[in-house]
Amino acid sequence: MIRLAEERDASSLAAVSIEVWLNTYLREGVGPFFADYVLAEFTAQKFRNSMRDPNMAIWVSENLMGIDGFVAVGSTTKPPLPDCPPLEITTLYVQPRHQSSGRGVALLYRALDHCRSMGSESAWLKVNAENGRAIRFYLRHGFSQIGSTHFVIADRAYENYVMKTELAGPGGSNPPTHPARPP
């Protein structure tokens, strides 16, 4: 089930974020530099603050046991390229054991529907340039790479691709050119 996040979800969102981030980016072990970053960045309080921010929207994927993924859309970040609209899909995380189950697709379409409902003609996001699995996922769902930027932690910079998709066909009235939504 996909639903809007509620404040009671904050600690689950933090835990899912830590799990996905560590699994995706730290395959060789966790040193103090990244441990400190993750524990400071992914906190229940930061998620509560995001849910209270009128410029952010977060949806969760929930199964019988709890939250297994989420997507966040915001307009708080300055777009890195002139072709990017104000709304950004800031995060799309699904627990590794639930990836390839349709949850990520359902969350992505929920985010795109939100962008469309806010009047946006396109949506954009950033993805780590070394995250081939995520890049292939976004390409399969209508995104294309339009440039790059860098994600910076302290004094370290990591290349991120900027990807964008159009939400409407010519004239702005057609539905997006994405595959059918999962049930």
C-alpha atoms as a PDB file:
ATOM      1  CA  MET A   1       0.000   0.000   0.000  1.00  0.00           C
ATOM      2  CA  ILE A   2       1.240   3.492  -0.857  1.00  0.00           C
ATOM      3  CA  ARG A   3       0.158   6.281   1.492  1.00  0.00           C
ATOM      4  CA  LEU A   4       1.296   9.697   2.677  1.00  0.00           C
ATOM      5  CA  ALA A   5       3.880   9.549   5.425  1.00  0.00           C
ATOM      6  CA  GLU A   6       2.777  10.464   8.925  1.00  0.00           C
ATOM      7  CA  GLU A   7       4.886  11.679  11.837  1.00  0.00           C
ATOM      8  CA  ARG A   8       4.646   8.230  13.456  1.00  0.00           C
ATOM      9  CA  ASP A   9       6.652   6.933  10.441  1.00  0.00           C
ATOM     10  CA  ALA A  10       9.700   9.107  11.138  1.00  0.00           C
ATOM     11  CA  SER A  11      11.849   6.491  12.879  1.00  0.00           C
ATOM     12  CA  SER A  12      10.975   3.844  10.263  1.00  0.00           C
ATOM     13  CA  LEU A  13      11.933   6.263   7.470  1.00  0.00           C
ATOM     14  CA  ALA A  14      15.260   6.927   9.193  1.00  0.00           C
ATOM     15  CA  ALA A  15      15.936   3.197   9.587  1.00  0.00           C
ATOM     16  CA  VAL A  16      15.037   2.410   5.958  1.00  0.00           C
ATOM     17  CA  SER A  17      17.264   5.278   4.805  1.00  0.00           C
ATOM     18  CA  ILE A  18      20.237   4.022   6.785  1.00  0.00           C
ATOM     19  CA  GLU A  19      19.756   0.470   5.513  1.00  0.00           C
ATOM     20  CA  VAL A  20      19.425   1.480   1.862  1.00  0.00           C
ATOM     21  CA  TRP A  21      22.231   4.052   1.954  1.00  0.00           C
ATOM     22  CA  LEU A  22      24.717   1.710   3.606  1.00  0.00           C
ATOM     23  CA  ASN A  23      23.765  -1.202   1.328  1.00  0.00           C
ATOM     24  CA  THR A  24      24.038   0.940  -1.805  1.00  0.00           C
ATOM     25  CA  TYR A  25      27.176   2.935  -1.140  1.00  0.00           C
ATOM     26  CA  LEU A  26      29.305   1.148   1.485  1.00  0.00           C
ATOM     27  CA  ARG A  27      29.907  -2.369   0.272  1.00  0.00           C
ATOM     28  CA  GLU A  28      33.441  -2.693   1.682  1.00  0.00           C
ATOM     29  CA  GLY A  29      32.739  -1.724   5.294  1.00  0.00           C
ATOM     30  CA  VAL A  30      31.657   1.278   7.350  1.00  0.00           C
ATOM     31  CA  GLY A  31      34.306   3.695   8.559  1.00  0.00           C
ATOM     32  CA  PRO A  32      33.800   6.585  10.981  1.00  0.00           C
ATOM     33  CA  PHE A  33      33.535   9.236   8.227  1.00  0.00           C
ATOM     34  CA  PHE A  34      30.454   7.670   6.632  1.00  0.00           C
ATOM     35  CA  ALA A  35      29.027   6.338   9.900  1.00  0.00           C
ATOM     36  CA  ASP A  36      29.016   9.862  11.334  1.00  0.00           C
ATOM     37  CA  TYR A  37      27.383  11.195   8.149  1.00  0.00           C
ATOM     38  CA  VAL A  38      24.638   8.548   8.081  1.00  0.00           C
ATOM     39  CA  LEU A  39      23.801   8.840  11.775  1.00  0.00           C
ATOM     40  CA  ALA A  40      23.616  12.645  11.562  1.00  0.00           C
ATOM     41  CA  GLU A  41      21.729  12.796   8.254  1.00  0.00           C
ATOM     42  CA  PHE A  42      19.077  10.095   8.656  1.00  0.00           C
ATOM     43  CA  THR A  43      17.298  10.929  11.892  1.00  0.00           C
ATOM     44  CA  ALA A  44      13.673  10.651  12.927  1.00  0.00           C
ATOM     45  CA  GLN A  45      13.663  14.369  13.779  1.00  0.00           C
ATOM     46  CA  LYS A  46      14.831  15.343  10.274  1.00  0.00           C
ATOM     47  CA  PHE A  47      12.009  13.269   8.806  1.00  0.00           C
ATOM     48  CA  ARG A  48       9.485  14.885  11.157  1.00  0.00           C
ATOM     49  CA  ASN A  49      10.748  18.296  10.055  1.00  0.00           C
ATOM     50  CA  SER A  50      10.414  17.295   6.390  1.00  0.00           C
ATOM     51  CA  MET A  51       6.836  16.127   6.913  1.00  0.00           C
ATOM     52  CA  ARG A  52       5.986  19.500   8.470  1.00  0.00           C
ATOM     53  CA  ASP A  53       7.583  21.410   5.563  1.00  0.00           C
ATOM     54  CA  PRO A  54       4.900  22.553   3.077  1.00  0.00           C
ATOM     55  CA  ASN A  55       7.499  22.286   0.283  1.00  0.00           C
ATOM     56  CA  MET A  56       8.016  18.543   0.868  1.00  0.00           C
ATOM     57  CA  ALA A  57       5.814  15.497   0.313  1.00  0.00           C
ATOM     58  CA  ILE A  58       6.687  11.955   1.363  1.00  0.00           C
ATOM     59  CA  TRP A  59       4.851   8.725   0.536  1.00  0.00           C
ATOM     60  CA  VAL A  60       5.606   5.340   2.030  1.00  0.00           C
ATOM     61  CA  SER A  61       5.220   1.807   0.770  1.00  0.00           C
ATOM     62  CA  GLU A  62       3.850  -0.253   3.622  1.00  0.00           C
ATOM     63  CA  ASN A  63       3.388  -3.995   3.921  1.00  0.00           C
ATOM     64  CA  LEU A  64       1.864  -5.992   6.816  1.00  0.00           C
ATOM     65  CA  MET A  65       5.030  -5.612   8.893  1.00  0.00           C
ATOM     66  CA  GLY A  66       5.837  -1.961   8.237  1.00  0.00           C
ATOM     67  CA  ILE A  67       7.466   0.466   5.846  1.00  0.00           C
ATOM     68  CA  ASP A  68       9.630  -1.068   3.116  1.00  0.00           C
ATOM     69  CA  GLY A  69      10.289   2.021   0.996  1.00  0.00           C
ATOM     70  CA  PHE A  70       9.477   5.669   0.433  1.00  0.00           C
ATOM     71  CA  VAL A  71       9.682   8.507  -2.042  1.00  0.00           C
ATOM     72  CA  ALA A  72      10.080  12.210  -1.300  1.00  0.00           C
ATOM     73  CA  VAL A  73       9.375  15.174  -3.565  1.00  0.00           C
ATOM     74  CA  GLY A  74      10.457  18.669  -2.686  1.00  0.00           C
ATOM     75  CA  SER A  75      10.997  22.148  -3.964  1.00  0.00           C
ATOM     76  CA  THR A  76      13.546  23.202  -1.355  1.00  0.00           C
ATOM     77  CA  THR A  77      16.683  22.578  -3.433  1.00  0.00           C
ATOM     78  CA  LYS A  78      17.883  24.946  -6.113  1.00  0.00           C
ATOM     79  CA  PRO A  79      17.842  22.951  -9.372  1.00  0.00           C
ATOM     80  CA  PRO A  80      21.393  22.243 -10.588  1.00  0.00           C
ATOM     81  CA  LEU A  81      20.566  22.897 -14.258  1.00  0.00           C
ATOM     82  CA  PRO A  82      18.397  25.504 -16.001  1.00  0.00           C
ATOM     83  CA  ASP A  83      16.203  22.793 -17.603  1.00  0.00           C
ATOM     84  CA  CYS A  84      15.052  21.467 -14.226  1.00  0.00           C
ATOM     85  CA  PRO A  85      11.657  22.488 -12.803  1.00  0.00           C
ATOM     86  CA  PRO A  86      11.381  23.492  -9.135  1.00  0.00           C
ATOM     87  CA  LEU A  87      10.087  20.058  -8.023  1.00  0.00           C
ATOM     88  CA  GLU A  88      12.687  17.350  -7.435  1.00  0.00           C
ATOM     89  CA  ILE A  89      12.261  13.696  -6.585  1.00  0.00           C
ATOM     90  CA  THR A  90      14.719  13.972  -3.718  1.00  0.00           C
ATOM     91  CA  THR A  91      14.714  10.361  -2.540  1.00  0.00           C
ATOM     92  CA  LEU A  92      13.421   6.991  -3.694  1.00  0.00           C
ATOM     93  CA  TYR A  93      14.522   4.222  -1.333  1.00  0.00           C
ATOM     94  CA  VAL A  94      13.276   0.640  -1.191  1.00  0.00           C
ATOM     95  CA  GLN A  95      14.732  -1.937   1.173  1.00  0.00           C
ATOM     96  CA  PRO A  96      17.063  -4.237  -0.789  1.00  0.00           C
ATOM     97  CA  ARG A  97      14.975  -7.371  -0.139  1.00  0.00           C
ATOM     98  CA  HIS A  98      11.899  -5.604  -1.592  1.00  0.00           C
ATOM     99  CA  GLN A  99      13.579  -4.243  -4.705  1.00  0.00           C
ATOM    100  CA  SER A 100      12.322  -5.746  -7.983  1.00  0.00           C
ATOM    101  CA  SER A 101       8.889  -6.258  -6.386  1.00  0.00           C
ATOM    102  CA  GLY A 102       7.160  -3.266  -7.991  1.00  0.00           C
ATOM    103  CA  ARG A 103       7.368  -1.068  -4.902  1.00  0.00           C
ATOM    104  CA  GLY A 104       9.916   1.283  -6.449  1.00  0.00           C
ATOM    105  CA  VAL A 105       7.817   1.666  -9.606  1.00  0.00           C
ATOM    106  CA  ALA A 106       4.661   2.349  -7.576  1.00  0.00           C
ATOM    107  CA  LEU A 107       6.487   4.959  -5.486  1.00  0.00           C
ATOM    108  CA  LEU A 108       8.017   6.572  -8.571  1.00  0.00           C
ATOM    109  CA  TYR A 109       4.603   6.892 -10.239  1.00  0.00           C
ATOM    110  CA  ARG A 110       3.133   8.373  -7.082  1.00  0.00           C
ATOM    111  CA  ALA A 111       5.871  11.010  -7.113  1.00  0.00           C
ATOM    112  CA  LEU A 112       5.343  11.730 -10.814  1.00  0.00           C
ATOM    113  CA  ASP A 113       1.576  12.048 -10.262  1.00  0.00           C
ATOM    114  CA  HIS A 114       2.291  14.549  -7.502  1.00  0.00           C
ATOM    115  CA  CYS A 115       4.596  16.590  -9.753  1.00  0.00           C
ATOM    116  CA  ARG A 116       1.927  16.577 -12.455  1.00  0.00           C
ATOM    117  CA  SER A 117      -0.781  17.628  -9.960  1.00  0.00           C
ATOM    118  CA  MET A 118       1.430  20.550  -8.931  1.00  0.00           C
ATOM    119  CA  GLY A 119       1.442  21.739 -12.560  1.00  0.00           C
ATOM    120  CA  SER A 120       4.938  20.591 -13.454  1.00  0.00           C
ATOM    121  CA  GLU A 121       5.571  19.485 -17.041  1.00  0.00           C
ATOM    122  CA  SER A 122       8.669  17.518 -16.070  1.00  0.00           C
ATOM    123  CA  ALA A 123      10.389  15.953 -13.080  1.00  0.00           C
ATOM    124  CA  TRP A 124      14.054  15.578 -12.219  1.00  0.00           C
ATOM    125  CA  LEU A 125      16.276  13.775  -9.765  1.00  0.00           C
ATOM    126  CA  LYS A 126      19.919  13.096  -8.987  1.00  0.00           C
ATOM    127  CA  VAL A 127      21.458   9.631  -8.901  1.00  0.00           C
ATOM    128  CA  ASN A 128      24.994   8.583  -8.011  1.00  0.00           C
ATOM    129  CA  ALA A 129      26.961   8.093 -11.240  1.00  0.00           C
ATOM    130  CA  GLU A 130      28.205   4.709  -9.967  1.00  0.00           C
ATOM    131  CA  ASN A 131      24.730   3.401  -9.066  1.00  0.00           C
ATOM    132  CA  GLY A 132      24.139   1.476 -12.292  1.00  0.00           C
ATOM    133  CA  ARG A 133      21.080  -0.340 -10.999  1.00  0.00           C
ATOM    134  CA  ALA A 134      19.253   2.909 -10.153  1.00  0.00           C
ATOM    135  CA  ILE A 135      20.331   4.549 -13.413  1.00  0.00           C
ATOM    136  CA  ARG A 136      18.931   1.608 -15.417  1.00  0.00           C
ATOM    137  CA  PHE A 137      15.694   1.778 -13.382  1.00  0.00           C
ATOM    138  CA  TYR A 138      15.172   5.454 -14.187  1.00  0.00           C
ATOM    139  CA  LEU A 139      16.063   4.990 -17.858  1.00  0.00           C
ATOM    140  CA  ARG A 140      13.465   2.172 -18.113  1.00  0.00           C
ATOM    141  CA  HIS A 141      10.866   4.549 -16.694  1.00  0.00           C
ATOM    142  CA  GLY A 142      11.313   7.432 -19.096  1.00  0.00           C
ATOM    143  CA  PHE A 143      14.147   9.455 -17.579  1.00  0.00           C
ATOM    144  CA  SER A 144      17.197  10.603 -19.499  1.00  0.00           C
ATOM    145  CA  GLN A 145      20.473  12.018 -18.277  1.00  0.00           C
ATOM    146  CA  ILE A 146      20.667  15.770 -18.894  1.00  0.00           C
ATOM    147  CA  GLY A 147      23.860  16.627 -17.019  1.00  0.00           C
ATOM    148  CA  SER A 148      25.731  16.056 -13.818  1.00  0.00           C
ATOM    149  CA  THR A 149      26.417  17.645 -10.461  1.00  0.00           C
ATOM    150  CA  HIS A 150      28.224  16.595  -7.308  1.00  0.00           C
ATOM    151  CA  PHE A 151      27.048  15.312  -3.945  1.00  0.00           C
ATOM    152  CA  VAL A 152      29.391  16.657  -1.287  1.00  0.00           C
ATOM    153  CA  ILE A 153      30.073  15.201   2.146  1.00  0.00           C
ATOM    154  CA  ALA A 154      32.566  17.317   4.098  1.00  0.00           C
ATOM    155  CA  ASP A 155      35.476  17.738   1.642  1.00  0.00           C
ATOM    156  CA  ARG A 156      34.597  14.789  -0.618  1.00  0.00           C
ATOM    157  CA  ALA A 157      32.587  15.128  -3.835  1.00  0.00           C
ATOM    158  CA  TYR A 158      30.799  12.337  -5.698  1.00  0.00           C
ATOM    159  CA  GLU A 159      29.469  12.681  -9.229  1.00  0.00           C
ATOM    160  CA  ASN A 160      25.698  12.472  -9.545  1.00  0.00           C
ATOM    161  CA  TYR A 161      23.800  12.364 -12.818  1.00  0.00           C
ATOM    162  CA  VAL A 162      20.887  14.737 -13.214  1.00  0.00           C
ATOM    163  CA  MET A 163      18.016  12.871 -14.846  1.00  0.00           C
ATOM    164  CA  LYS A 164      14.748  14.272 -16.131  1.00  0.00           C
ATOM    165  CA  THR A 165      11.468  13.004 -17.551  1.00  0.00           C
ATOM    166  CA  GLU A 166       8.641  14.805 -19.297  1.00  0.00           C
ATOM    167  CA  LEU A 167       5.262  14.418 -17.631  1.00  0.00           C
ATOM    168  CA  ALA A 168       3.060  15.345 -20.590  1.00  0.00           C
ATOM    169  CA  GLY A 169       3.230  14.961 -24.331  1.00  0.00           C
ATOM    170  CA  PRO A 170       3.196  17.869 -26.803  1.00  0.00           C
ATOM    171  CA  GLY A 171       0.636  20.458 -25.817  1.00  0.00           C
ATOM    172  CA  GLY A 172       0.769  19.368 -22.195  1.00  0.00           C
ATOM    173  CA  SER A 173      -2.489  17.391 -22.228  1.00  0.00           C
ATOM    174  CA  ASN A 174      -1.330  13.836 -22.902  1.00  0.00           C
ATOM    175  CA  PRO A 175      -0.514  11.388 -20.117  1.00  0.00           C
ATOM    176  CA  PRO A 176       3.169  10.653 -19.519  1.00  0.00           C
ATOM    177  CA  THR A 177       4.896   8.107 -21.699  1.00  0.00           C
ATOM    178  CA  HIS A 178       5.572   5.657 -18.876  1.00  0.00           C
ATOM    179  CA  PRO A 179       4.658   1.975 -18.830  1.00  0.00           C
ATOM    180  CA  ALA A 180       1.368   0.963 -17.243  1.00  0.00           C
ATOM    181  CA  ARG A 181       1.247   1.332 -13.479  1.00  0.00           C
ATOM    182  CA  PRO A 182       1.582  -1.809 -11.415  1.00  0.00           C
ATOM    183  CA  PRO A 183      -1.587  -2.954  -9.589  1.00  0.00           C
END
